[in-house]
Amino acid sequence: MEKEITGTLENWYVDIIFDKFIINGDIYKDNKNRWPDGTFIHTSSVISPSKEECKEGIAITTKHSTYLLGKKHSGRKSYVD
């Protein structure tokens, strides 16, 4: 069963925190109404997919949310580049 998309992350990039990875970016269409559109957030640890598989247009899953990855940040190098 597919999880419902919680929101879309734009201008995103991957960051490593200890032995896990997170996504930083601007949230849009947060269906949990936690943040207004355009707010910069970081996710909790990403469960799936792997950091190498993160790319525009796919969904990533954390413990409590599923985000669609929109446009990647063009000026910042991610740990997967």
PDB file of N, CA and C in Angstrom:
ATOM      1  N   MET A   1       0.833  -1.172   0.000  1.00  0.00           N
ATOM      2  CA  MET A   1       0.000   0.000   0.000  1.00  0.00           C
ATOM      3  C   MET A   1       0.885   1.246   0.000  1.00  0.00           C
ATOM      4  N   GLU A   2       0.618   2.180  -0.903  1.00  0.00           N
ATOM      5  CA  GLU A   2       1.393   3.411  -0.979  1.00  0.00           C
ATOM      6  C   GLU A   2       0.988   4.351   0.137  1.00  0.00           C
ATOM      7  N   LYS A   3       1.989   5.042   0.689  1.00  0.00           N
ATOM      8  CA  LYS A   3       1.703   6.031   1.721  1.00  0.00           C
ATOM      9  C   LYS A   3       1.274   7.339   1.075  1.00  0.00           C
ATOM     10  N   GLU A   4       0.436   8.079   1.775  1.00  0.00           N
ATOM     11  CA  GLU A   4      -0.007   9.380   1.304  1.00  0.00           C
ATOM     12  C   GLU A   4       1.169  10.361   1.364  1.00  0.00           C
ATOM     13  N   ILE A   5       1.292  11.188   0.336  1.00  0.00           N
ATOM     14  CA  ILE A   5       2.346  12.197   0.301  1.00  0.00           C
ATOM     15  C   ILE A   5       2.017  13.287   1.321  1.00  0.00           C
ATOM     16  N   THR A   6       2.948  13.536   2.233  1.00  0.00           N
ATOM     17  CA  THR A   6       2.779  14.527   3.288  1.00  0.00           C
ATOM     18  C   THR A   6       2.977  15.941   2.761  1.00  0.00           C
ATOM     19  N   GLY A   7       3.908  16.102   1.836  1.00  0.00           N
ATOM     20  CA  GLY A   7       4.225  17.414   1.276  1.00  0.00           C
ATOM     21  C   GLY A   7       5.308  17.260   0.228  1.00  0.00           C
ATOM     22  N   THR A   8       5.648  18.370  -0.410  1.00  0.00           N
ATOM     23  CA  THR A   8       6.682  18.379  -1.441  1.00  0.00           C
ATOM     24  C   THR A   8       7.859  19.200  -0.953  1.00  0.00           C
ATOM     25  N   LEU A   9       9.071  18.671  -1.154  1.00  0.00           N
ATOM     26  CA  LEU A   9      10.289  19.393  -0.796  1.00  0.00           C
ATOM     27  C   LEU A   9      10.928  19.957  -2.056  1.00  0.00           C
ATOM     28  N   GLU A  10      11.109  21.259  -2.087  1.00  0.00           N
ATOM     29  CA  GLU A  10      11.770  21.948  -3.195  1.00  0.00           C
ATOM     30  C   GLU A  10      13.118  22.469  -2.703  1.00  0.00           C
ATOM     31  N   ASN A  11      14.026  22.712  -3.643  1.00  0.00           N
ATOM     32  CA  ASN A  11      15.366  23.208  -3.309  1.00  0.00           C
ATOM     33  C   ASN A  11      16.026  22.318  -2.254  1.00  0.00           C
ATOM     34  N   TRP A  12      15.871  21.020  -2.421  1.00  0.00           N
ATOM     35  CA  TRP A  12      16.319  20.062  -1.419  1.00  0.00           C
ATOM     36  C   TRP A  12      17.755  19.605  -1.675  1.00  0.00           C
ATOM     37  N   TYR A  13      18.351  19.102  -0.612  1.00  0.00           N
ATOM     38  CA  TYR A  13      19.665  18.476  -0.688  1.00  0.00           C
ATOM     39  C   TYR A  13      19.799  17.462   0.444  1.00  0.00           C
ATOM     40  N   VAL A  14      20.668  16.499   0.253  1.00  0.00           N
ATOM     41  CA  VAL A  14      20.910  15.432   1.221  1.00  0.00           C
ATOM     42  C   VAL A  14      21.987  15.887   2.197  1.00  0.00           C
ATOM     43  N   ASP A  15      21.789  15.560   3.459  1.00  0.00           N
ATOM     44  CA  ASP A  15      22.780  15.849   4.488  1.00  0.00           C
ATOM     45  C   ASP A  15      22.993  14.586   5.322  1.00  0.00           C
ATOM     46  N   ILE A  16      24.207  14.385   5.781  1.00  0.00           N
ATOM     47  CA  ILE A  16      24.540  13.220   6.604  1.00  0.00           C
ATOM     48  C   ILE A  16      24.605  13.651   8.062  1.00  0.00           C
ATOM     49  N   ILE A  17      23.896  12.933   8.917  1.00  0.00           N
ATOM     50  CA  ILE A  17      23.927  13.169  10.358  1.00  0.00           C
ATOM     51  C   ILE A  17      24.350  11.847  11.006  1.00  0.00           C
ATOM     52  N   PHE A  18      25.591  11.832  11.486  1.00  0.00           N
ATOM     53  CA  PHE A  18      26.194  10.621  12.023  1.00  0.00           C
ATOM     54  C   PHE A  18      26.124   9.525  10.955  1.00  0.00           C
ATOM     55  N   ASP A  19      25.438   8.433  11.200  1.00  0.00           N
ATOM     56  CA  ASP A  19      25.402   7.336  10.220  1.00  0.00           C
ATOM     57  C   ASP A  19      24.088   7.293   9.446  1.00  0.00           C
ATOM     58  N   LYS A  20      23.287   8.338   9.558  1.00  0.00           N
ATOM     59  CA  LYS A  20      22.001   8.392   8.863  1.00  0.00           C
ATOM     60  C   LYS A  20      21.989   9.586   7.924  1.00  0.00           C
ATOM     61  N   PHE A  21      20.958   9.676   7.082  1.00  0.00           N
ATOM     62  CA  PHE A  21      20.856  10.854   6.230  1.00  0.00           C
ATOM     63  C   PHE A  21      19.457  11.451   6.309  1.00  0.00           C
ATOM     64  N   ILE A  22      19.425  12.760   6.075  1.00  0.00           N
ATOM     65  CA  ILE A  22      18.189  13.527   6.098  1.00  0.00           C
ATOM     66  C   ILE A  22      18.112  14.338   4.811  1.00  0.00           C
ATOM     67  N   ILE A  23      16.960  14.933   4.574  1.00  0.00           N
ATOM     68  CA  ILE A  23      16.789  15.843   3.449  1.00  0.00           C
ATOM     69  C   ILE A  23      16.443  17.222   4.022  1.00  0.00           C
ATOM     70  N   ASN A  24      17.137  18.235   3.544  1.00  0.00           N
ATOM     71  CA  ASN A  24      16.833  19.630   3.868  1.00  0.00           C
ATOM     72  C   ASN A  24      16.160  20.244   2.659  1.00  0.00           C
ATOM     73  N   GLY A  25      15.186  21.105   2.877  1.00  0.00           N
ATOM     74  CA  GLY A  25      14.541  21.774   1.747  1.00  0.00           C
ATOM     75  C   GLY A  25      13.362  22.618   2.180  1.00  0.00           C
ATOM     76  N   ASP A  26      12.727  23.236   1.208  1.00  0.00           N
ATOM     77  CA  ASP A  26      11.563  24.082   1.444  1.00  0.00           C
ATOM     78  C   ASP A  26      10.300  23.248   1.257  1.00  0.00           C
ATOM     79  N   ILE A  27       9.449  23.233   2.280  1.00  0.00           N
ATOM     80  CA  ILE A  27       8.231  22.412   2.240  1.00  0.00           C
ATOM     81  C   ILE A  27       7.083  23.186   1.592  1.00  0.00           C
ATOM     82  N   TYR A  28       6.327  22.475   0.777  1.00  0.00           N
ATOM     83  CA  TYR A  28       5.117  23.009   0.147  1.00  0.00           C
ATOM     84  C   TYR A  28       4.007  21.976   0.283  1.00  0.00           C
ATOM     85  N   LYS A  29       2.776  22.448   0.402  1.00  0.00           N
ATOM     86  CA  LYS A  29       1.582  21.587   0.468  1.00  0.00           C
ATOM     87  C   LYS A  29       1.663  20.577   1.616  1.00  0.00           C
ATOM     88  N   ASP A  30       2.109  21.028   2.781  1.00  0.00           N
ATOM     89  CA  ASP A  30       2.180  20.161   3.965  1.00  0.00           C
ATOM     90  C   ASP A  30       0.763  19.808   4.404  1.00  0.00           C
ATOM     91  N   ASN A  31       0.367  18.560   4.187  1.00  0.00           N
ATOM     92  CA  ASN A  31      -1.019  18.190   4.486  1.00  0.00           C
ATOM     93  C   ASN A  31      -1.277  18.001   5.984  1.00  0.00           C
ATOM     94  N   LYS A  32      -0.226  18.098   6.799  1.00  0.00           N
ATOM     95  CA  LYS A  32      -0.399  18.042   8.252  1.00  0.00           C
ATOM     96  C   LYS A  32      -0.479  19.455   8.849  1.00  0.00           C
ATOM     97  N   ASN A  33      -0.385  20.472   7.970  1.00  0.00           N
ATOM     98  CA  ASN A  33      -0.497  21.875   8.382  1.00  0.00           C
ATOM     99  C   ASN A  33       0.491  22.266   9.472  1.00  0.00           C
ATOM    100  N   ARG A  34       1.713  21.734   9.371  1.00  0.00           N
ATOM    101  CA  ARG A  34       2.745  22.086  10.345  1.00  0.00           C
ATOM    102  C   ARG A  34       3.481  23.354   9.954  1.00  0.00           C
ATOM    103  N   TRP A  35       3.677  23.572   8.647  1.00  0.00           N
ATOM    104  CA  TRP A  35       4.470  24.705   8.183  1.00  0.00           C
ATOM    105  C   TRP A  35       3.794  25.384   6.999  1.00  0.00           C
ATOM    106  N   PRO A  36       3.947  26.710   6.907  1.00  0.00           N
ATOM    107  CA  PRO A  36       3.460  27.407   5.712  1.00  0.00           C
ATOM    108  C   PRO A  36       4.339  27.079   4.507  1.00  0.00           C
ATOM    109  N   ASP A  37       3.781  27.197   3.311  1.00  0.00           N
ATOM    110  CA  ASP A  37       4.551  26.951   2.087  1.00  0.00           C
ATOM    111  C   ASP A  37       5.836  27.775   2.073  1.00  0.00           C
ATOM    112  N   GLY A  38       6.928  27.128   1.676  1.00  0.00           N
ATOM    113  CA  GLY A  38       8.213  27.800   1.545  1.00  0.00           C
ATOM    114  C   GLY A  38       9.077  27.767   2.785  1.00  0.00           C
ATOM    115  N   THR A  39       8.596  27.163   3.874  1.00  0.00           N
ATOM    116  CA  THR A  39       9.378  27.072   5.102  1.00  0.00           C
ATOM    117  C   THR A  39      10.514  26.073   4.916  1.00  0.00           C
ATOM    118  N   PHE A  40      11.734  26.458   5.326  1.00  0.00           N
ATOM    119  CA  PHE A  40      12.887  25.559   5.256  1.00  0.00           C
ATOM    120  C   PHE A  40      12.792  24.569   6.409  1.00  0.00           C
ATOM    121  N   ILE A  41      12.857  23.276   6.079  1.00  0.00           N
ATOM    122  CA  ILE A  41      12.801  22.219   7.099  1.00  0.00           C
ATOM    123  C   ILE A  41      13.899  21.197   6.841  1.00  0.00           C
ATOM    124  N   HIS A  42      14.086  20.321   7.810  1.00  0.00           N
ATOM    125  CA  HIS A  42      14.871  19.107   7.586  1.00  0.00           C
ATOM    126  C   HIS A  42      14.021  17.947   8.057  1.00  0.00           C
ATOM    127  N   THR A  43      14.124  16.850   7.359  1.00  0.00           N
ATOM    128  CA  THR A  43      13.343  15.673   7.718  1.00  0.00           C
ATOM    129  C   THR A  43      14.016  14.949   8.878  1.00  0.00           C
ATOM    130  N   SER A  44      13.322  14.006   9.433  1.00  0.00           N
ATOM    131  CA  SER A  44      13.976  13.047  10.313  1.00  0.00           C
ATOM    132  C   SER A  44      14.727  12.071   9.401  1.00  0.00           C
ATOM    133  N   SER A  45      15.371  11.083   9.972  1.00  0.00           N
ATOM    134  CA  SER A  45      16.153  10.125   9.179  1.00  0.00           C
ATOM    135  C   SER A  45      15.295   9.489   8.090  1.00  0.00           C
ATOM    136  N   VAL A  46      15.855   9.425   6.896  1.00  0.00           N
ATOM    137  CA  VAL A  46      15.147   8.825   5.767  1.00  0.00           C
ATOM    138  C   VAL A  46      15.259   7.310   5.855  1.00  0.00           C
ATOM    139  N   ILE A  47      14.115   6.643   5.778  1.00  0.00           N
ATOM    140  CA  ILE A  47      14.059   5.177   5.839  1.00  0.00           C
ATOM    141  C   ILE A  47      14.258   4.581   4.452  1.00  0.00           C
ATOM    142  N   SER A  48      13.593   5.160   3.466  1.00  0.00           N
ATOM    143  CA  SER A  48      13.760   4.693   2.090  1.00  0.00           C
ATOM    144  C   SER A  48      13.482   5.856   1.156  1.00  0.00           C
ATOM    145  N   PRO A  49      14.081   5.863   0.014  1.00  0.00           N
ATOM    146  CA  PRO A  49      15.059   4.930  -0.530  1.00  0.00           C
ATOM    147  C   PRO A  49      16.451   5.232   0.040  1.00  0.00           C
ATOM    148  N   SER A  50      17.481   4.627  -0.550  1.00  0.00           N
ATOM    149  CA  SER A  50      18.851   4.924  -0.138  1.00  0.00           C
ATOM    150  C   SER A  50      19.209   6.333  -0.588  1.00  0.00           C
ATOM    151  N   LYS A  51      20.236   6.908  -0.009  1.00  0.00           N
ATOM    152  CA  LYS A  51      20.612   8.285  -0.381  1.00  0.00           C
ATOM    153  C   LYS A  51      21.037   8.371  -1.831  1.00  0.00           C
ATOM    154  N   GLU A  52      21.605   7.303  -2.374  1.00  0.00           N
ATOM    155  CA  GLU A  52      22.015   7.296  -3.781  1.00  0.00           C
ATOM    156  C   GLU A  52      20.821   7.301  -4.735  1.00  0.00           C
ATOM    157  N   GLU A  53      19.675   6.852  -4.269  1.00  0.00           N
ATOM    158  CA  GLU A  53      18.472   6.789  -5.100  1.00  0.00           C
ATOM    159  C   GLU A  53      17.612   8.055  -5.034  1.00  0.00           C
ATOM    160  N   CYS A  54      17.978   9.006  -4.175  1.00  0.00           N
ATOM    161  CA  CYS A  54      17.201  10.242  -4.049  1.00  0.00           C
ATOM    162  C   CYS A  54      17.395  11.095  -5.299  1.00  0.00           C
ATOM    163  N   LYS A  55      16.293  11.410  -5.947  1.00  0.00           N
ATOM    164  CA  LYS A  55      16.336  12.256  -7.136  1.00  0.00           C
ATOM    165  C   LYS A  55      14.979  12.928  -7.297  1.00  0.00           C
ATOM    166  N   GLU A  56      14.936  13.945  -8.139  1.00  0.00           N
ATOM    167  CA  GLU A  56      13.705  14.684  -8.377  1.00  0.00           C
ATOM    168  C   GLU A  56      12.588  13.738  -8.834  1.00  0.00           C
ATOM    169  N   GLY A  57      11.403  13.943  -8.263  1.00  0.00           N
ATOM    170  CA  GLY A  57      10.234  13.188  -8.693  1.00  0.00           C
ATOM    171  C   GLY A  57       9.942  11.911  -7.933  1.00  0.00           C
ATOM    172  N   ILE A  58      10.808  11.524  -6.988  1.00  0.00           N
ATOM    173  CA  ILE A  58      10.510  10.315  -6.220  1.00  0.00           C
ATOM    174  C   ILE A  58      10.042  10.684  -4.822  1.00  0.00           C
ATOM    175  N   ALA A  59       9.432   9.744  -4.137  1.00  0.00           N
ATOM    176  CA  ALA A  59       8.975   9.943  -2.765  1.00  0.00           C
ATOM    177  C   ALA A  59       9.992   9.335  -1.808  1.00  0.00           C
ATOM    178  N   ILE A  60      10.224  10.042  -0.708  1.00  0.00           N
ATOM    179  CA  ILE A  60      11.077   9.512   0.351  1.00  0.00           C
ATOM    180  C   ILE A  60      10.226   9.304   1.588  1.00  0.00           C
ATOM    181  N   THR A  61      10.589   8.323   2.397  1.00  0.00           N
ATOM    182  CA  THR A  61       9.821   7.989   3.586  1.00  0.00           C
ATOM    183  C   THR A  61      10.672   8.155   4.834  1.00  0.00           C
ATOM    184  N   THR A  62      10.089   8.850   5.826  1.00  0.00           N
ATOM    185  CA  THR A  62      10.684   8.945   7.153  1.00  0.00           C
ATOM    186  C   THR A  62       9.768   8.184   8.111  1.00  0.00           C
ATOM    187  N   LYS A  63      10.036   8.248   9.391  1.00  0.00           N
ATOM    188  CA  LYS A  63       9.221   7.501  10.345  1.00  0.00           C
ATOM    189  C   LYS A  63       7.738   7.881  10.286  1.00  0.00           C
ATOM    190  N   HIS A  64       7.454   9.189  10.138  1.00  0.00           N
ATOM    191  CA  HIS A  64       6.057   9.646  10.205  1.00  0.00           C
ATOM    192  C   HIS A  64       5.547  10.322   8.941  1.00  0.00           C
ATOM    193  N   SER A  65       6.406  10.486   7.925  1.00  0.00           N
ATOM    194  CA  SER A  65       5.996  11.265   6.754  1.00  0.00           C
ATOM    195  C   SER A  65       6.542  10.675   5.465  1.00  0.00           C
ATOM    196  N   THR A  66       5.890  11.045   4.371  1.00  0.00           N
ATOM    197  CA  THR A  66       6.362  10.709   3.032  1.00  0.00           C
ATOM    198  C   THR A  66       6.361  11.991   2.218  1.00  0.00           C
ATOM    199  N   TYR A  67       7.532  12.345   1.700  1.00  0.00           N
ATOM    200  CA  TYR A  67       7.687  13.596   0.956  1.00  0.00           C
ATOM    201  C   TYR A  67       8.006  13.308  -0.503  1.00  0.00           C
ATOM    202  N   LEU A  68       7.439  14.115  -1.373  1.00  0.00           N
ATOM    203  CA  LEU A  68       7.802  14.079  -2.786  1.00  0.00           C
ATOM    204  C   LEU A  68       8.975  15.031  -2.974  1.00  0.00           C
ATOM    205  N   LEU A  69      10.018  14.572  -3.657  1.00  0.00           N
ATOM    206  CA  LEU A  69      11.167  15.428  -3.935  1.00  0.00           C
ATOM    207  C   LEU A  69      10.918  16.197  -5.219  1.00  0.00           C
ATOM    208  N   GLY A  70      10.823  17.501  -5.090  1.00  0.00           N
ATOM    209  CA  GLY A  70      10.655  18.375  -6.246  1.00  0.00           C
ATOM    210  C   GLY A  70      12.018  18.733  -6.820  1.00  0.00           C
ATOM    211  N   LYS A  71      12.195  19.981  -7.159  1.00  0.00           N
ATOM    212  CA  LYS A  71      13.435  20.459  -7.768  1.00  0.00           C
ATOM    213  C   LYS A  71      14.569  20.444  -6.748  1.00  0.00           C
ATOM    214  N   LYS A  72      15.695  19.834  -7.134  1.00  0.00           N
ATOM    215  CA  LYS A  72      16.876  19.773  -6.281  1.00  0.00           C
ATOM    216  C   LYS A  72      17.554  21.140  -6.228  1.00  0.00           C
ATOM    217  N   HIS A  73      18.179  21.441  -5.117  1.00  0.00           N
ATOM    218  CA  HIS A  73      18.915  22.699  -4.955  1.00  0.00           C
ATOM    219  C   HIS A  73      20.064  22.726  -5.958  1.00  0.00           C
ATOM    220  N   SER A  74      20.116  23.753  -6.771  1.00  0.00           N
ATOM    221  CA  SER A  74      21.117  23.783  -7.846  1.00  0.00           C
ATOM    222  C   SER A  74      22.464  24.318  -7.403  1.00  0.00           C
ATOM    223  N   GLY A  75      22.513  25.065  -6.307  1.00  0.00           N
ATOM    224  CA  GLY A  75      23.770  25.680  -5.913  1.00  0.00           C
ATOM    225  C   GLY A  75      24.476  24.992  -4.774  1.00  0.00           C
ATOM    226  N   ARG A  76      23.929  23.934  -4.268  1.00  0.00           N
ATOM    227  CA  ARG A  76      24.528  23.243  -3.124  1.00  0.00           C
ATOM    228  C   ARG A  76      24.807  21.804  -3.473  1.00  0.00           C
ATOM    229  N   LYS A  77      25.990  21.353  -3.130  1.00  0.00           N
ATOM    230  CA  LYS A  77      26.363  19.964  -3.396  1.00  0.00           C
ATOM    231  C   LYS A  77      25.792  19.077  -2.300  1.00  0.00           C
ATOM    232  N   SER A  78      25.115  18.022  -2.692  1.00  0.00           N
ATOM    233  CA  SER A  78      24.605  17.025  -1.751  1.00  0.00           C
ATOM    234  C   SER A  78      25.646  15.936  -1.548  1.00  0.00           C
ATOM    235  N   TYR A  79      25.443  15.139  -0.545  1.00  0.00           N
ATOM    236  CA  TYR A  79      26.341  14.019  -0.283  1.00  0.00           C
ATOM    237  C   TYR A  79      26.189  12.898  -1.310  1.00  0.00           C
ATOM    238  N   VAL A  80      25.209  13.029  -2.198  1.00  0.00           N
ATOM    239  CA  VAL A  80      25.027  11.992  -3.222  1.00  0.00           C
ATOM    240  C   VAL A  80      25.539  12.427  -4.587  1.00  0.00           C
ATOM    241  N   ASP A  81      26.057  13.637  -4.693  1.00  0.00           N
ATOM    242  CA  ASP A  81      26.593  14.133  -5.969  1.00  0.00           C
ATOM    243  C   ASP A  81      27.983  13.572  -6.248  1.00  0.00           C
TER     244      ASP A  81
END
